[in-house]
Amino acid sequence: MIQITSIEHLLVICHLPAYPGRGSACYLHRRFFPPGLWQRLRALPFFSTESISYTLNSREDSEAGQIFGKMQREAFSDYLFSADLQRTYLLELMHLLMKVHQERQEHCTGL
């Protein structure tokens, strides 16, 4: 499961895996994002409410876990462009969530 909570200048994304193991959480402040990206993220459909959750299938759950793993490893990296790479992983996660959101919407509307 992925839970997204958006509070003013803070974005919290939690991954609670279906398989045994520990979950992950990502706390992102508006200042982490380049100018304009925060507004584009906030315009995404899953940020239209303060909090939303998605139950993931096994493939989606695995993909989300891999992305969170890369973000966590990079958080402790000495790499000069670590923040840029973390933002790239975050965008990869956003694309996964947009796909999940779209699939759930199509399923609900029968498209």
PDB file of N, CA and C in Angstrom:
ATOM      1  N   MET A   1       0.845  -1.167   0.000  1.00  0.00           N
ATOM      2  CA  MET A   1       0.000   0.000   0.000  1.00  0.00           C
ATOM      3  C   MET A   1       0.896   1.237   0.000  1.00  0.00           C
ATOM      4  N   ILE A   2       0.425   2.240  -0.706  1.00  0.00           N
ATOM      5  CA  ILE A   2       1.076   3.549  -0.692  1.00  0.00           C
ATOM      6  C   ILE A   2       0.085   4.535  -0.097  1.00  0.00           C
ATOM      7  N   GLN A   3       0.554   5.324   0.839  1.00  0.00           N
ATOM      8  CA  GLN A   3      -0.273   6.386   1.410  1.00  0.00           C
ATOM      9  C   GLN A   3       0.440   7.705   1.162  1.00  0.00           C
ATOM     10  N   ILE A   4      -0.312   8.665   0.644  1.00  0.00           N
ATOM     11  CA  ILE A   4       0.235   9.986   0.350  1.00  0.00           C
ATOM     12  C   ILE A   4      -0.524  11.002   1.184  1.00  0.00           C
ATOM     13  N   THR A   5       0.219  11.815   1.923  1.00  0.00           N
ATOM     14  CA  THR A   5      -0.379  12.880   2.714  1.00  0.00           C
ATOM     15  C   THR A   5       0.305  14.180   2.324  1.00  0.00           C
ATOM     16  N   SER A   6      -0.494  15.162   2.048  1.00  0.00           N
ATOM     17  CA  SER A   6       0.012  16.464   1.632  1.00  0.00           C
ATOM     18  C   SER A   6      -0.489  17.520   2.606  1.00  0.00           C
ATOM     19  N   ILE A   7       0.455  18.183   3.276  1.00  0.00           N
ATOM     20  CA  ILE A   7       0.111  19.197   4.270  1.00  0.00           C
ATOM     21  C   ILE A   7       0.910  20.451   3.961  1.00  0.00           C
ATOM     22  N   GLU A   8       0.245  21.472   3.476  1.00  0.00           N
ATOM     23  CA  GLU A   8       0.862  22.744   3.124  1.00  0.00           C
ATOM     24  C   GLU A   8       2.167  22.575   2.358  1.00  0.00           C
ATOM     25  N   HIS A   9       3.311  22.689   3.028  1.00  0.00           N
ATOM     26  CA  HIS A   9       4.608  22.640   2.361  1.00  0.00           C
ATOM     27  C   HIS A   9       5.319  21.303   2.546  1.00  0.00           C
ATOM     28  N   LEU A  10       4.586  20.282   2.983  1.00  0.00           N
ATOM     29  CA  LEU A  10       5.183  18.983   3.265  1.00  0.00           C
ATOM     30  C   LEU A  10       4.431  17.890   2.516  1.00  0.00           C
ATOM     31  N   LEU A  11       5.193  16.976   1.965  1.00  0.00           N
ATOM     32  CA  LEU A  11       4.646  15.815   1.276  1.00  0.00           C
ATOM     33  C   LEU A  11       5.182  14.571   1.978  1.00  0.00           C
ATOM     34  N   VAL A  12       4.276  13.688   2.401  1.00  0.00           N
ATOM     35  CA  VAL A  12       4.660  12.458   3.082  1.00  0.00           C
ATOM     36  C   VAL A  12       4.153  11.288   2.244  1.00  0.00           C
ATOM     37  N   ILE A  13       5.082  10.411   1.853  1.00  0.00           N
ATOM     38  CA  ILE A  13       4.722   9.230   1.074  1.00  0.00           C
ATOM     39  C   ILE A  13       5.194   8.013   1.868  1.00  0.00           C
ATOM     40  N   CYS A  14       4.260   7.128   2.189  1.00  0.00           N
ATOM     41  CA  CYS A  14       4.572   5.925   2.957  1.00  0.00           C
ATOM     42  C   CYS A  14       4.315   4.694   2.106  1.00  0.00           C
ATOM     43  N   HIS A  15       5.231   3.754   2.172  1.00  0.00           N
ATOM     44  CA  HIS A  15       5.060   2.461   1.507  1.00  0.00           C
ATOM     45  C   HIS A  15       4.970   1.396   2.582  1.00  0.00           C
ATOM     46  N   LEU A  16       3.837   0.716   2.612  1.00  0.00           N
ATOM     47  CA  LEU A  16       3.621  -0.373   3.556  1.00  0.00           C
ATOM     48  C   LEU A  16       3.528  -1.643   2.726  1.00  0.00           C
ATOM     49  N   PRO A  17       4.629  -2.395   2.613  1.00  0.00           N
ATOM     50  CA  PRO A  17       4.652  -3.544   1.704  1.00  0.00           C
ATOM     51  C   PRO A  17       3.719  -4.663   2.140  1.00  0.00           C
ATOM     52  N   ALA A  18       3.209  -5.372   1.137  1.00  0.00           N
ATOM     53  CA  ALA A  18       2.331  -6.507   1.397  1.00  0.00           C
ATOM     54  C   ALA A  18       3.128  -7.692   1.917  1.00  0.00           C
ATOM     55  N   TYR A  19       4.374  -7.803   1.502  1.00  0.00           N
ATOM     56  CA  TYR A  19       5.217  -8.911   1.931  1.00  0.00           C
ATOM     57  C   TYR A  19       5.837  -8.581   3.282  1.00  0.00           C
ATOM     58  N   PRO A  20       6.258  -9.601   4.013  1.00  0.00           N
ATOM     59  CA  PRO A  20       6.869  -9.346   5.324  1.00  0.00           C
ATOM     60  C   PRO A  20       8.102  -8.441   5.184  1.00  0.00           C
ATOM     61  N   GLY A  21       8.171  -7.484   6.017  1.00  0.00           N
ATOM     62  CA  GLY A  21       9.290  -6.548   5.996  1.00  0.00           C
ATOM     63  C   GLY A  21       8.847  -5.221   6.575  1.00  0.00           C
ATOM     64  N   ARG A  22       9.742  -4.299   6.537  1.00  0.00           N
ATOM     65  CA  ARG A  22       9.397  -3.006   7.118  1.00  0.00           C
ATOM     66  C   ARG A  22       9.010  -2.029   6.016  1.00  0.00           C
ATOM     67  N   GLY A  23       8.181  -1.101   6.383  1.00  0.00           N
ATOM     68  CA  GLY A  23       7.740  -0.085   5.453  1.00  0.00           C
ATOM     69  C   GLY A  23       8.745   1.050   5.367  1.00  0.00           C
ATOM     70  N   SER A  24       8.445   1.966   4.491  1.00  0.00           N
ATOM     71  CA  SER A  24       9.311   3.129   4.286  1.00  0.00           C
ATOM     72  C   SER A  24       8.457   4.379   4.251  1.00  0.00           C
ATOM     73  N   ALA A  25       9.059   5.478   4.645  1.00  0.00           N
ATOM     74  CA  ALA A  25       8.376   6.762   4.570  1.00  0.00           C
ATOM     75  C   ALA A  25       9.346   7.796   4.030  1.00  0.00           C
ATOM     76  N   CYS A  26       8.805   8.694   3.275  1.00  0.00           N
ATOM     77  CA  CYS A  26       9.592   9.757   2.671  1.00  0.00           C
ATOM     78  C   CYS A  26       8.916  11.076   3.023  1.00  0.00           C
ATOM     79  N   TYR A  27       9.636  11.953   3.689  1.00  0.00           N
ATOM     80  CA  TYR A  27       9.124  13.261   4.087  1.00  0.00           C
ATOM     81  C   TYR A  27       9.842  14.309   3.233  1.00  0.00           C
ATOM     82  N   LEU A  28       9.079  15.026   2.451  1.00  0.00           N
ATOM     83  CA  LEU A  28       9.686  15.976   1.518  1.00  0.00           C
ATOM     84  C   LEU A  28       9.108  17.370   1.722  1.00  0.00           C
ATOM     85  N   HIS A  29       9.970  18.314   1.959  1.00  0.00           N
ATOM     86  CA  HIS A  29       9.554  19.705   2.112  1.00  0.00           C
ATOM     87  C   HIS A  29       9.610  20.389   0.752  1.00  0.00           C
ATOM     88  N   ARG A  30       8.802  21.370   0.599  1.00  0.00           N
ATOM     89  CA  ARG A  30       8.726  22.122  -0.652  1.00  0.00           C
ATOM     90  C   ARG A  30      10.110  22.587  -1.128  1.00  0.00           C
ATOM     91  N   ARG A  31      10.984  22.949  -0.203  1.00  0.00           N
ATOM     92  CA  ARG A  31      12.324  23.442  -0.558  1.00  0.00           C
ATOM     93  C   ARG A  31      13.185  22.390  -1.245  1.00  0.00           C
ATOM     94  N   PHE A  32      12.805  21.101  -1.121  1.00  0.00           N
ATOM     95  CA  PHE A  32      13.563  20.021  -1.754  1.00  0.00           C
ATOM     96  C   PHE A  32      13.430  20.062  -3.281  1.00  0.00           C
ATOM     97  N   PHE A  33      12.359  20.672  -3.757  1.00  0.00           N
ATOM     98  CA  PHE A  33      12.049  20.653  -5.181  1.00  0.00           C
ATOM     99  C   PHE A  33      12.500  21.920  -5.887  1.00  0.00           C
ATOM    100  N   PRO A  34      12.945  21.785  -7.142  1.00  0.00           N
ATOM    101  CA  PRO A  34      13.276  22.990  -7.922  1.00  0.00           C
ATOM    102  C   PRO A  34      12.025  23.843  -8.124  1.00  0.00           C
ATOM    103  N   PRO A  35      12.212  25.138  -8.393  1.00  0.00           N
ATOM    104  CA  PRO A  35      11.061  26.016  -8.616  1.00  0.00           C
ATOM    105  C   PRO A  35      10.134  25.445  -9.697  1.00  0.00           C
ATOM    106  N   GLY A  36       8.851  25.457  -9.417  1.00  0.00           N
ATOM    107  CA  GLY A  36       7.861  24.988 -10.372  1.00  0.00           C
ATOM    108  C   GLY A  36       7.484  23.524 -10.215  1.00  0.00           C
ATOM    109  N   LEU A  37       8.409  22.679  -9.766  1.00  0.00           N
ATOM    110  CA  LEU A  37       8.105  21.252  -9.649  1.00  0.00           C
ATOM    111  C   LEU A  37       7.089  20.992  -8.543  1.00  0.00           C
ATOM    112  N   TRP A  38       7.190  21.719  -7.445  1.00  0.00           N
ATOM    113  CA  TRP A  38       6.234  21.545  -6.343  1.00  0.00           C
ATOM    114  C   TRP A  38       4.809  21.795  -6.836  1.00  0.00           C
ATOM    115  N   GLN A  39       4.609  22.876  -7.596  1.00  0.00           N
ATOM    116  CA  GLN A  39       3.271  23.195  -8.099  1.00  0.00           C
ATOM    117  C   GLN A  39       2.791  22.110  -9.058  1.00  0.00           C
ATOM    118  N   ARG A  40       3.680  21.584  -9.896  1.00  0.00           N
ATOM    119  CA  ARG A  40       3.277  20.525 -10.831  1.00  0.00           C
ATOM    120  C   ARG A  40       2.912  19.246 -10.075  1.00  0.00           C
ATOM    121  N   LEU A  41       3.657  18.923  -9.030  1.00  0.00           N
ATOM    122  CA  LEU A  41       3.315  17.750  -8.233  1.00  0.00           C
ATOM    123  C   LEU A  41       1.971  17.930  -7.537  1.00  0.00           C
ATOM    124  N   ARG A  42       1.767  19.114  -6.977  1.00  0.00           N
ATOM    125  CA  ARG A  42       0.514  19.384  -6.264  1.00  0.00           C
ATOM    126  C   ARG A  42      -0.695  19.359  -7.188  1.00  0.00           C
ATOM    127  N   ALA A  43      -0.475  19.516  -8.495  1.00  0.00           N
ATOM    128  CA  ALA A  43      -1.567  19.482  -9.463  1.00  0.00           C
ATOM    129  C   ALA A  43      -1.955  18.054  -9.864  1.00  0.00           C
ATOM    130  N   LEU A  44      -1.160  17.069  -9.456  1.00  0.00           N
ATOM    131  CA  LEU A  44      -1.473  15.686  -9.800  1.00  0.00           C
ATOM    132  C   LEU A  44      -2.747  15.248  -9.084  1.00  0.00           C
ATOM    133  N   PRO A  45      -3.509  14.352  -9.709  1.00  0.00           N
ATOM    134  CA  PRO A  45      -4.822  13.995  -9.156  1.00  0.00           C
ATOM    135  C   PRO A  45      -4.788  13.409  -7.756  1.00  0.00           C
ATOM    136  N   PHE A  46      -3.727  12.703  -7.386  1.00  0.00           N
ATOM    137  CA  PHE A  46      -3.710  12.093  -6.059  1.00  0.00           C
ATOM    138  C   PHE A  46      -3.310  13.069  -4.972  1.00  0.00           C
ATOM    139  N   PHE A  47      -3.017  14.320  -5.318  1.00  0.00           N
ATOM    140  CA  PHE A  47      -2.760  15.342  -4.307  1.00  0.00           C
ATOM    141  C   PHE A  47      -3.953  16.271  -4.131  1.00  0.00           C
ATOM    142  N   SER A  48      -5.091  15.902  -4.731  1.00  0.00           N
ATOM    143  CA  SER A  48      -6.267  16.763  -4.646  1.00  0.00           C
ATOM    144  C   SER A  48      -6.918  16.713  -3.262  1.00  0.00           C
ATOM    145  N   THR A  49      -6.562  15.720  -2.465  1.00  0.00           N
ATOM    146  CA  THR A  49      -7.052  15.629  -1.098  1.00  0.00           C
ATOM    147  C   THR A  49      -5.844  15.623  -0.160  1.00  0.00           C
ATOM    148  N   GLU A  50      -6.098  15.786   1.122  1.00  0.00           N
ATOM    149  CA  GLU A  50      -5.000  15.807   2.088  1.00  0.00           C
ATOM    150  C   GLU A  50      -4.322  14.454   2.219  1.00  0.00           C
ATOM    151  N   SER A  51      -5.089  13.365   2.047  1.00  0.00           N
ATOM    152  CA  SER A  51      -4.521  12.036   2.214  1.00  0.00           C
ATOM    153  C   SER A  51      -5.255  11.047   1.309  1.00  0.00           C
ATOM    154  N   ILE A  52      -4.481  10.150   0.698  1.00  0.00           N
ATOM    155  CA  ILE A  52      -5.061   9.123  -0.159  1.00  0.00           C
ATOM    156  C   ILE A  52      -4.183   7.885  -0.057  1.00  0.00           C
ATOM    157  N   SER A  53      -4.812   6.722  -0.185  1.00  0.00           N
ATOM    158  CA  SER A  53      -4.091   5.448  -0.129  1.00  0.00           C
ATOM    159  C   SER A  53      -4.423   4.631  -1.361  1.00  0.00           C
ATOM    160  N   TYR A  54      -3.442   3.858  -1.805  1.00  0.00           N
ATOM    161  CA  TYR A  54      -3.641   2.923  -2.908  1.00  0.00           C
ATOM    162  C   TYR A  54      -3.165   1.549  -2.464  1.00  0.00           C
ATOM    163  N   THR A  55      -4.008   0.553  -2.652  1.00  0.00           N
ATOM    164  CA  THR A  55      -3.593  -0.820  -2.446  1.00  0.00           C
ATOM    165  C   THR A  55      -2.920  -1.265  -3.736  1.00  0.00           C
ATOM    166  N   LEU A  56      -1.726  -1.795  -3.608  1.00  0.00           N
ATOM    167  CA  LEU A  56      -0.935  -2.159  -4.772  1.00  0.00           C
ATOM    168  C   LEU A  56      -1.000  -3.663  -5.025  1.00  0.00           C
ATOM    169  N   ASN A  57      -0.941  -4.030  -6.305  1.00  0.00           N
ATOM    170  CA  ASN A  57      -0.805  -5.453  -6.610  1.00  0.00           C
ATOM    171  C   ASN A  57       0.659  -5.835  -6.380  1.00  0.00           C
ATOM    172  N   SER A  58       0.998  -7.084  -6.529  1.00  0.00           N
ATOM    173  CA  SER A  58       2.352  -7.538  -6.180  1.00  0.00           C
ATOM    174  C   SER A  58       3.418  -6.876  -7.051  1.00  0.00           C
ATOM    175  N   ARG A  59       3.149  -6.676  -8.335  1.00  0.00           N
ATOM    176  CA  ARG A  59       4.131  -6.023  -9.214  1.00  0.00           C
ATOM    177  C   ARG A  59       4.349  -4.574  -8.798  1.00  0.00           C
ATOM    178  N   GLU A  60       3.253  -3.854  -8.565  1.00  0.00           N
ATOM    179  CA  GLU A  60       3.341  -2.451  -8.156  1.00  0.00           C
ATOM    180  C   GLU A  60       4.034  -2.325  -6.805  1.00  0.00           C
ATOM    181  N   ASP A  61       3.710  -3.247  -5.893  1.00  0.00           N
ATOM    182  CA  ASP A  61       4.308  -3.242  -4.563  1.00  0.00           C
ATOM    183  C   ASP A  61       5.820  -3.444  -4.663  1.00  0.00           C
ATOM    184  N   SER A  62       6.230  -4.369  -5.512  1.00  0.00           N
ATOM    185  CA  SER A  62       7.655  -4.633  -5.710  1.00  0.00           C
ATOM    186  C   SER A  62       8.360  -3.414  -6.313  1.00  0.00           C
ATOM    187  N   GLU A  63       7.743  -2.806  -7.322  1.00  0.00           N
ATOM    188  CA  GLU A  63       8.333  -1.616  -7.945  1.00  0.00           C
ATOM    189  C   GLU A  63       8.475  -0.482  -6.937  1.00  0.00           C
ATOM    190  N   ALA A  64       7.426  -0.247  -6.154  1.00  0.00           N
ATOM    191  CA  ALA A  64       7.476   0.822  -5.152  1.00  0.00           C
ATOM    192  C   ALA A  64       8.586   0.547  -4.138  1.00  0.00           C
ATOM    193  N   GLY A  65       8.701  -0.710  -3.702  1.00  0.00           N
ATOM    194  CA  GLY A  65       9.751  -1.074  -2.753  1.00  0.00           C
ATOM    195  C   GLY A  65      11.144  -0.839  -3.315  1.00  0.00           C
ATOM    196  N   GLN A  66      11.336  -1.154  -4.586  1.00  0.00           N
ATOM    197  CA  GLN A  66      12.633  -0.931  -5.223  1.00  0.00           C
ATOM    198  C   GLN A  66      12.957   0.558  -5.305  1.00  0.00           C
ATOM    199  N   ILE A  67      11.969   1.355  -5.647  1.00  0.00           N
ATOM    200  CA  ILE A  67      12.197   2.805  -5.750  1.00  0.00           C
ATOM    201  C   ILE A  67      12.523   3.385  -4.373  1.00  0.00           C
ATOM    202  N   PHE A  68      11.759   2.995  -3.357  1.00  0.00           N
ATOM    203  CA  PHE A  68      12.041   3.478  -2.001  1.00  0.00           C
ATOM    204  C   PHE A  68      13.424   3.040  -1.548  1.00  0.00           C
ATOM    205  N   GLY A  69      13.812   1.817  -1.889  1.00  0.00           N
ATOM    206  CA  GLY A  69      15.146   1.333  -1.540  1.00  0.00           C
ATOM    207  C   GLY A  69      16.238   2.188  -2.156  1.00  0.00           C
ATOM    208  N   LYS A  70      16.064   2.556  -3.433  1.00  0.00           N
ATOM    209  CA  LYS A  70      17.053   3.410  -4.101  1.00  0.00           C
ATOM    210  C   LYS A  70      17.102   4.784  -3.434  1.00  0.00           C
ATOM    211  N   MET A  71      15.924   5.314  -3.084  1.00  0.00           N
ATOM    212  CA  MET A  71      15.893   6.629  -2.434  1.00  0.00           C
ATOM    213  C   MET A  71      16.598   6.585  -1.077  1.00  0.00           C
ATOM    214  N   GLN A  72      16.364   5.521  -0.318  1.00  0.00           N
ATOM    215  CA  GLN A  72      16.988   5.409   1.003  1.00  0.00           C
ATOM    216  C   GLN A  72      18.500   5.252   0.896  1.00  0.00           C
ATOM    217  N   ARG A  73      18.953   4.426  -0.036  1.00  0.00           N
ATOM    218  CA  ARG A  73      20.404   4.260  -0.208  1.00  0.00           C
ATOM    219  C   ARG A  73      21.050   5.577  -0.615  1.00  0.00           C
ATOM    220  N   GLU A  74      20.381   6.315  -1.468  1.00  0.00           N
ATOM    221  CA  GLU A  74      20.946   7.576  -1.949  1.00  0.00           C
ATOM    222  C   GLU A  74      20.952   8.640  -0.857  1.00  0.00           C
ATOM    223  N   ALA A  75      20.017   8.557   0.083  1.00  0.00           N
ATOM    224  CA  ALA A  75      19.955   9.536   1.176  1.00  0.00           C
ATOM    225  C   ALA A  75      21.233   9.534   2.013  1.00  0.00           C
ATOM    226  N   PHE A  76      21.929   8.393   2.039  1.00  0.00           N
ATOM    227  CA  PHE A  76      23.153   8.270   2.823  1.00  0.00           C
ATOM    228  C   PHE A  76      24.403   8.244   1.957  1.00  0.00           C
ATOM    229  N   SER A  77      24.256   8.640   0.722  1.00  0.00           N
ATOM    230  CA  SER A  77      25.355   8.603  -0.236  1.00  0.00           C
ATOM    231  C   SER A  77      26.210   9.868  -0.141  1.00  0.00           C
ATOM    232  N   ASP A  78      27.461   9.739  -0.522  1.00  0.00           N
ATOM    233  CA  ASP A  78      28.363  10.892  -0.614  1.00  0.00           C
ATOM    234  C   ASP A  78      28.375  11.487  -2.018  1.00  0.00           C
ATOM    235  N   TYR A  79      27.551  10.936  -2.894  1.00  0.00           N
ATOM    236  CA  TYR A  79      27.504  11.381  -4.279  1.00  0.00           C
ATOM    237  C   TYR A  79      27.161  12.872  -4.347  1.00  0.00           C
ATOM    238  N   LEU A  80      27.899  13.601  -5.140  1.00  0.00           N
ATOM    239  CA  LEU A  80      27.745  15.055  -5.239  1.00  0.00           C
ATOM    240  C   LEU A  80      26.332  15.470  -5.653  1.00  0.00           C
ATOM    241  N   PHE A  81      25.715  14.694  -6.531  1.00  0.00           N
ATOM    242  CA  PHE A  81      24.391  15.040  -7.044  1.00  0.00           C
ATOM    243  C   PHE A  81      23.305  14.147  -6.444  1.00  0.00           C
ATOM    244  N   SER A  82      23.490  13.765  -5.199  1.00  0.00           N
ATOM    245  CA  SER A  82      22.568  12.868  -4.514  1.00  0.00           C
ATOM    246  C   SER A  82      21.141  13.426  -4.474  1.00  0.00           C
ATOM    247  N   ALA A  83      20.980  14.692  -4.178  1.00  0.00           N
ATOM    248  CA  ALA A  83      19.636  15.283  -4.109  1.00  0.00           C
ATOM    249  C   ALA A  83      18.951  15.223  -5.470  1.00  0.00           C
ATOM    250  N   ASP A  84      19.695  15.485  -6.534  1.00  0.00           N
ATOM    251  CA  ASP A  84      19.123  15.392  -7.882  1.00  0.00           C
ATOM    252  C   ASP A  84      18.671  13.972  -8.183  1.00  0.00           C
ATOM    253  N   LEU A  85      19.487  13.002  -7.818  1.00  0.00           N
ATOM    254  CA  LEU A  85      19.142  11.604  -8.063  1.00  0.00           C
ATOM    255  C   LEU A  85      17.923  11.194  -7.234  1.00  0.00           C
ATOM    256  N   GLN A  86      17.840  11.674  -6.001  1.00  0.00           N
ATOM    257  CA  GLN A  86      16.666  11.384  -5.173  1.00  0.00           C
ATOM    258  C   GLN A  86      15.400  11.970  -5.794  1.00  0.00           C
ATOM    259  N   ARG A  87      15.495  13.169  -6.354  1.00  0.00           N
ATOM    260  CA  ARG A  87      14.343  13.759  -7.035  1.00  0.00           C
ATOM    261  C   ARG A  87      13.952  12.926  -8.255  1.00  0.00           C
ATOM    262  N   THR A  88      14.941  12.379  -8.954  1.00  0.00           N
ATOM    263  CA  THR A  88      14.666  11.518 -10.103  1.00  0.00           C
ATOM    264  C   THR A  88      13.914  10.269  -9.656  1.00  0.00           C
ATOM    265  N   TYR A  89      14.351   9.666  -8.563  1.00  0.00           N
ATOM    266  CA  TYR A  89      13.648   8.491  -8.040  1.00  0.00           C
ATOM    267  C   TYR A  89      12.227   8.858  -7.606  1.00  0.00           C
ATOM    268  N   LEU A  90      12.076  10.027  -7.009  1.00  0.00           N
ATOM    269  CA  LEU A  90      10.753  10.479  -6.601  1.00  0.00           C
ATOM    270  C   LEU A  90       9.840  10.632  -7.821  1.00  0.00           C
ATOM    271  N   LEU A  91      10.363  11.185  -8.898  1.00  0.00           N
ATOM    272  CA  LEU A  91       9.565  11.318 -10.118  1.00  0.00           C
ATOM    273  C   LEU A  91       9.203   9.943 -10.683  1.00  0.00           C
ATOM    274  N   GLU A  92      10.122   8.992 -10.573  1.00  0.00           N
ATOM    275  CA  GLU A  92       9.807   7.625 -10.997  1.00  0.00           C
ATOM    276  C   GLU A  92       8.645   7.075 -10.163  1.00  0.00           C
ATOM    277  N   LEU A  93       8.658   7.335  -8.876  1.00  0.00           N
ATOM    278  CA  LEU A  93       7.571   6.906  -8.005  1.00  0.00           C
ATOM    279  C   LEU A  93       6.267   7.611  -8.382  1.00  0.00           C
ATOM    280  N   MET A  94       6.341   8.891  -8.695  1.00  0.00           N
ATOM    281  CA  MET A  94       5.143   9.629  -9.098  1.00  0.00           C
ATOM    282  C   MET A  94       4.537   9.034 -10.370  1.00  0.00           C
ATOM    283  N   HIS A  95       5.386   8.639 -11.307  1.00  0.00           N
ATOM    284  CA  HIS A  95       4.878   8.013 -12.535  1.00  0.00           C
ATOM    285  C   HIS A  95       4.203   6.677 -12.220  1.00  0.00           C
ATOM    286  N   LEU A  96       4.784   5.899 -11.328  1.00  0.00           N
ATOM    287  CA  LEU A  96       4.145   4.654 -10.911  1.00  0.00           C
ATOM    288  C   LEU A  96       2.776   4.950 -10.311  1.00  0.00           C
ATOM    289  N   LEU A  97       2.706   5.944  -9.450  1.00  0.00           N
ATOM    290  CA  LEU A  97       1.435   6.291  -8.805  1.00  0.00           C
ATOM    291  C   LEU A  97       0.413   6.836  -9.801  1.00  0.00           C
ATOM    292  N   MET A  98       0.878   7.588 -10.805  1.00  0.00           N
ATOM    293  CA  MET A  98      -0.054   8.069 -11.827  1.00  0.00           C
ATOM    294  C   MET A  98      -0.637   6.898 -12.615  1.00  0.00           C
ATOM    295  N   LYS A  99       0.194   5.897 -12.910  1.00  0.00           N
ATOM    296  CA  LYS A  99      -0.304   4.703 -13.595  1.00  0.00           C
ATOM    297  C   LYS A  99      -1.330   3.977 -12.729  1.00  0.00           C
ATOM    298  N   VAL A 100      -1.011   3.794 -11.460  1.00  0.00           N
ATOM    299  CA  VAL A 100      -1.929   3.129 -10.539  1.00  0.00           C
ATOM    300  C   VAL A 100      -3.230   3.908 -10.457  1.00  0.00           C
ATOM    301  N   HIS A 101      -3.147   5.220 -10.302  1.00  0.00           N
ATOM    302  CA  HIS A 101      -4.335   6.065 -10.215  1.00  0.00           C
ATOM    303  C   HIS A 101      -5.182   5.933 -11.479  1.00  0.00           C
ATOM    304  N   GLN A 102      -4.533   5.987 -12.630  1.00  0.00           N
ATOM    305  CA  GLN A 102      -5.250   5.886 -13.905  1.00  0.00           C
ATOM    306  C   GLN A 102      -5.946   4.525 -14.032  1.00  0.00           C
ATOM    307  N   GLU A 103      -5.232   3.453 -13.688  1.00  0.00           N
ATOM    308  CA  GLU A 103      -5.831   2.117 -13.767  1.00  0.00           C
ATOM    309  C   GLU A 103      -7.030   1.999 -12.841  1.00  0.00           C
ATOM    310  N   ARG A 104      -6.934   2.561 -11.637  1.00  0.00           N
ATOM    311  CA  ARG A 104      -8.049   2.475 -10.695  1.00  0.00           C
ATOM    312  C   ARG A 104      -9.237   3.293 -11.197  1.00  0.00           C
ATOM    313  N   GLN A 105      -8.960   4.461 -11.791  1.00  0.00           N
ATOM    314  CA  GLN A 105     -10.037   5.283 -12.326  1.00  0.00           C
ATOM    315  C   GLN A 105     -10.731   4.588 -13.491  1.00  0.00           C
ATOM    316  N   GLU A 106      -9.946   3.968 -14.380  1.00  0.00           N
ATOM    317  CA  GLU A 106     -10.530   3.262 -15.526  1.00  0.00           C
ATOM    318  C   GLU A 106     -11.348   2.077 -15.062  1.00  0.00           C
ATOM    319  N   HIS A 107     -10.864   1.396 -14.033  1.00  0.00           N
ATOM    320  CA  HIS A 107     -11.591   0.244 -13.498  1.00  0.00           C
ATOM    321  C   HIS A 107     -12.933   0.691 -12.897  1.00  0.00           C
ATOM    322  N   CYS A 108     -12.915   1.819 -12.196  1.00  0.00           N
ATOM    323  CA  CYS A 108     -14.134   2.326 -11.555  1.00  0.00           C
ATOM    324  C   CYS A 108     -15.150   2.828 -12.569  1.00  0.00           C
ATOM    325  N   THR A 109     -14.661   3.404 -13.659  1.00  0.00           N
ATOM    326  CA  THR A 109     -15.583   3.970 -14.655  1.00  0.00           C
ATOM    327  C   THR A 109     -15.902   2.979 -15.766  1.00  0.00           C
ATOM    328  N   GLY A 110     -15.245   1.819 -15.778  1.00  0.00           N
ATOM    329  CA  GLY A 110     -15.524   0.802 -16.759  1.00  0.00           C
ATOM    330  C   GLY A 110     -14.907   1.074 -18.127  1.00  0.00           C
ATOM    331  N   LEU A 111     -13.899   1.950 -18.204  1.00  0.00           N
ATOM    332  CA  LEU A 111     -13.266   2.248 -19.481  1.00  0.00           C
ATOM    333  C   LEU A 111     -12.377   1.117 -19.943  1.00  0.00           C
TER     334      LEU A 111
END
